[in-house]
């Protein structure tokens, strides 16, 4: 028997859909950060003429690594939240069907055990 609490399953579906879209976007950002942000050493200058060129390259590599790590962490968090939200929605859906069946099949008819 329900305790009077209602859950909007369509809203949960919308959250799940948005999370999967965000996850797809994070995949694209991860690929971009990994493969499309590489700067060759010569772009920082000649180390003979510009002594800080090596420091700039190291700073670039460090920043790139941190960005990739942050995106990976966010990806994992979004995936975990999306999976958990999907499981919660499934449980609520199962409970809704069980409640409807208990109340007479959810067809609107009055042939259930509560109609007697």
Protein backbone atom coordinates (compact mmCIF):
# COMPACT_ATOMS: atom_id res chain seq x y z
CA UNK A 1 0.00 0.00 0.00
CA UNK A 2 1.30 3.44 -0.88
CA UNK A 3 2.21 5.95 1.79
CA UNK A 4 0.89 8.77 -0.40
CA UNK A 5 4.23 9.66 -1.95
CA UNK A 6 4.26 10.21 -5.71
CA UNK A 7 7.23 10.07 -8.05
CA UNK A 8 7.21 11.63 -11.50
CA UNK A 9 8.70 8.84 -13.62
CA UNK A 10 8.77 11.02 -16.73
CA UNK A 11 10.95 13.53 -14.85
CA UNK A 12 13.34 10.71 -13.91
CA UNK A 13 13.40 9.64 -17.57
CA UNK A 14 14.29 13.21 -18.54
CA UNK A 15 17.12 13.34 -15.98
CA UNK A 16 18.49 10.03 -17.27
CA UNK A 17 18.30 11.21 -20.89
CA UNK A 18 20.12 14.45 -20.04
CA UNK A 19 22.79 12.58 -18.10
CA UNK A 20 23.48 10.23 -21.03
CA UNK A 21 23.68 13.25 -23.36
CA UNK A 22 26.11 14.91 -20.95
CA UNK A 23 28.10 11.68 -20.78
CA UNK A 24 28.37 11.64 -24.57
CA UNK A 25 29.55 15.26 -24.50
CA UNK A 26 32.14 14.33 -21.86
CA UNK A 27 33.39 11.53 -24.12
CA UNK A 28 33.91 14.06 -26.90
CA UNK A 29 35.66 16.49 -24.54
CA UNK A 30 37.89 13.67 -23.31
CA UNK A 31 38.88 12.74 -26.84
CA UNK A 32 39.56 16.37 -27.71
CA UNK A 33 41.67 16.98 -24.62
CA UNK A 34 43.66 13.82 -25.20
CA UNK A 35 44.29 13.99 -28.94
CA UNK A 36 43.67 17.54 -30.15
CA UNK A 37 45.60 19.62 -27.61
CA UNK A 38 49.10 18.33 -28.19
CA UNK A 39 51.56 21.14 -28.86
CA UNK A 40 54.95 20.19 -30.30
CA UNK A 41 58.08 21.36 -28.50
CA UNK A 42 59.17 23.61 -31.36
CA UNK A 43 55.99 25.67 -30.93
CA UNK A 44 57.38 26.86 -27.59
CA UNK A 45 60.58 28.12 -29.17
CA UNK A 46 64.15 27.05 -29.48
CA UNK A 47 65.63 26.12 -26.09
CA UNK A 48 68.97 27.63 -27.15
CA UNK A 49 67.39 31.05 -27.74
CA UNK A 50 64.48 30.83 -25.34
CA UNK A 51 65.49 29.07 -22.13
CA UNK A 52 61.92 28.99 -20.75
CA UNK A 53 60.67 26.92 -23.71
CA UNK A 54 61.15 23.67 -21.78
CA UNK A 55 59.29 25.11 -18.78
CA UNK A 56 56.40 26.14 -21.03
CA UNK A 57 56.21 22.69 -22.56
CA UNK A 58 56.26 21.06 -19.12
CA UNK A 59 53.50 23.43 -17.92
CA UNK A 60 51.46 22.55 -21.01
CA UNK A 61 51.89 18.81 -20.41
CA UNK A 62 50.96 19.20 -16.73
CA UNK A 63 47.84 21.23 -17.56
CA UNK A 64 46.85 18.74 -20.27
CA UNK A 65 47.24 15.85 -17.82
CA UNK A 66 45.15 17.61 -15.15
CA UNK A 67 42.45 18.42 -17.69
CA UNK A 68 42.29 14.80 -18.88
CA UNK A 69 42.11 13.62 -15.27
CA UNK A 70 39.30 16.07 -14.44
CA UNK A 71 37.29 15.01 -17.48
CA UNK A 72 37.79 11.34 -16.61
CA UNK A 73 36.62 11.99 -13.03
CA UNK A 74 33.55 13.90 -14.20
CA UNK A 75 32.78 11.16 -16.71
CA UNK A 76 32.87 8.56 -13.94
CA UNK A 77 30.68 10.66 -11.66
CA UNK A 78 28.09 11.31 -14.37
CA UNK A 79 28.08 7.64 -15.35
CA UNK A 80 27.59 6.57 -11.73
CA UNK A 81 24.81 9.09 -11.16
CA UNK A 82 23.07 8.13 -14.41
CA UNK A 83 23.24 4.43 -13.59
CA UNK A 84 21.94 5.01 -10.06
CA UNK A 85 19.13 7.23 -11.32
CA UNK A 86 18.15 4.60 -13.87
CA UNK A 87 18.04 1.90 -11.19
CA UNK A 88 15.90 4.10 -8.92
CA UNK A 89 13.51 4.81 -11.79
CA UNK A 90 13.25 1.08 -12.53
CA UNK A 91 12.42 0.34 -8.89
CA UNK A 92 9.72 3.01 -8.82
CA UNK A 93 8.31 1.66 -12.09
CA UNK A 94 8.22 -1.87 -10.67
CA UNK A 95 6.49 -0.60 -7.54
CA UNK A 96 3.95 1.32 -9.60
CA UNK A 97 3.05 -1.80 -11.59
CA UNK A 98 2.84 -3.88 -8.41
CA UNK A 99 0.56 -1.30 -6.80
CA UNK A 100 -1.67 -1.18 -9.89
CA UNK A 101 -1.88 -4.96 -9.95
CA UNK A 102 -2.78 -5.02 -6.26
CA UNK A 103 -5.47 -2.40 -6.85
CA UNK A 104 -7.11 -4.35 -9.67
CA UNK A 105 -4.75 -4.34 -12.58
CA UNK A 106 -4.67 -0.62 -13.22
CA UNK A 107 -7.35 -0.88 -15.90
CA UNK A 108 -9.80 1.38 -14.14
CA UNK A 109 -12.18 -1.51 -13.51
CA UNK A 110 -13.56 -2.26 -10.07
CA UNK A 111 -12.81 -5.98 -9.99
CA UNK A 112 -9.81 -5.79 -7.63
CA UNK A 113 -9.70 -6.92 -4.04
CA UNK A 114 -10.46 -3.39 -2.82
CA UNK A 115 -13.67 -3.23 -4.85
CA UNK A 116 -15.36 -5.93 -2.79
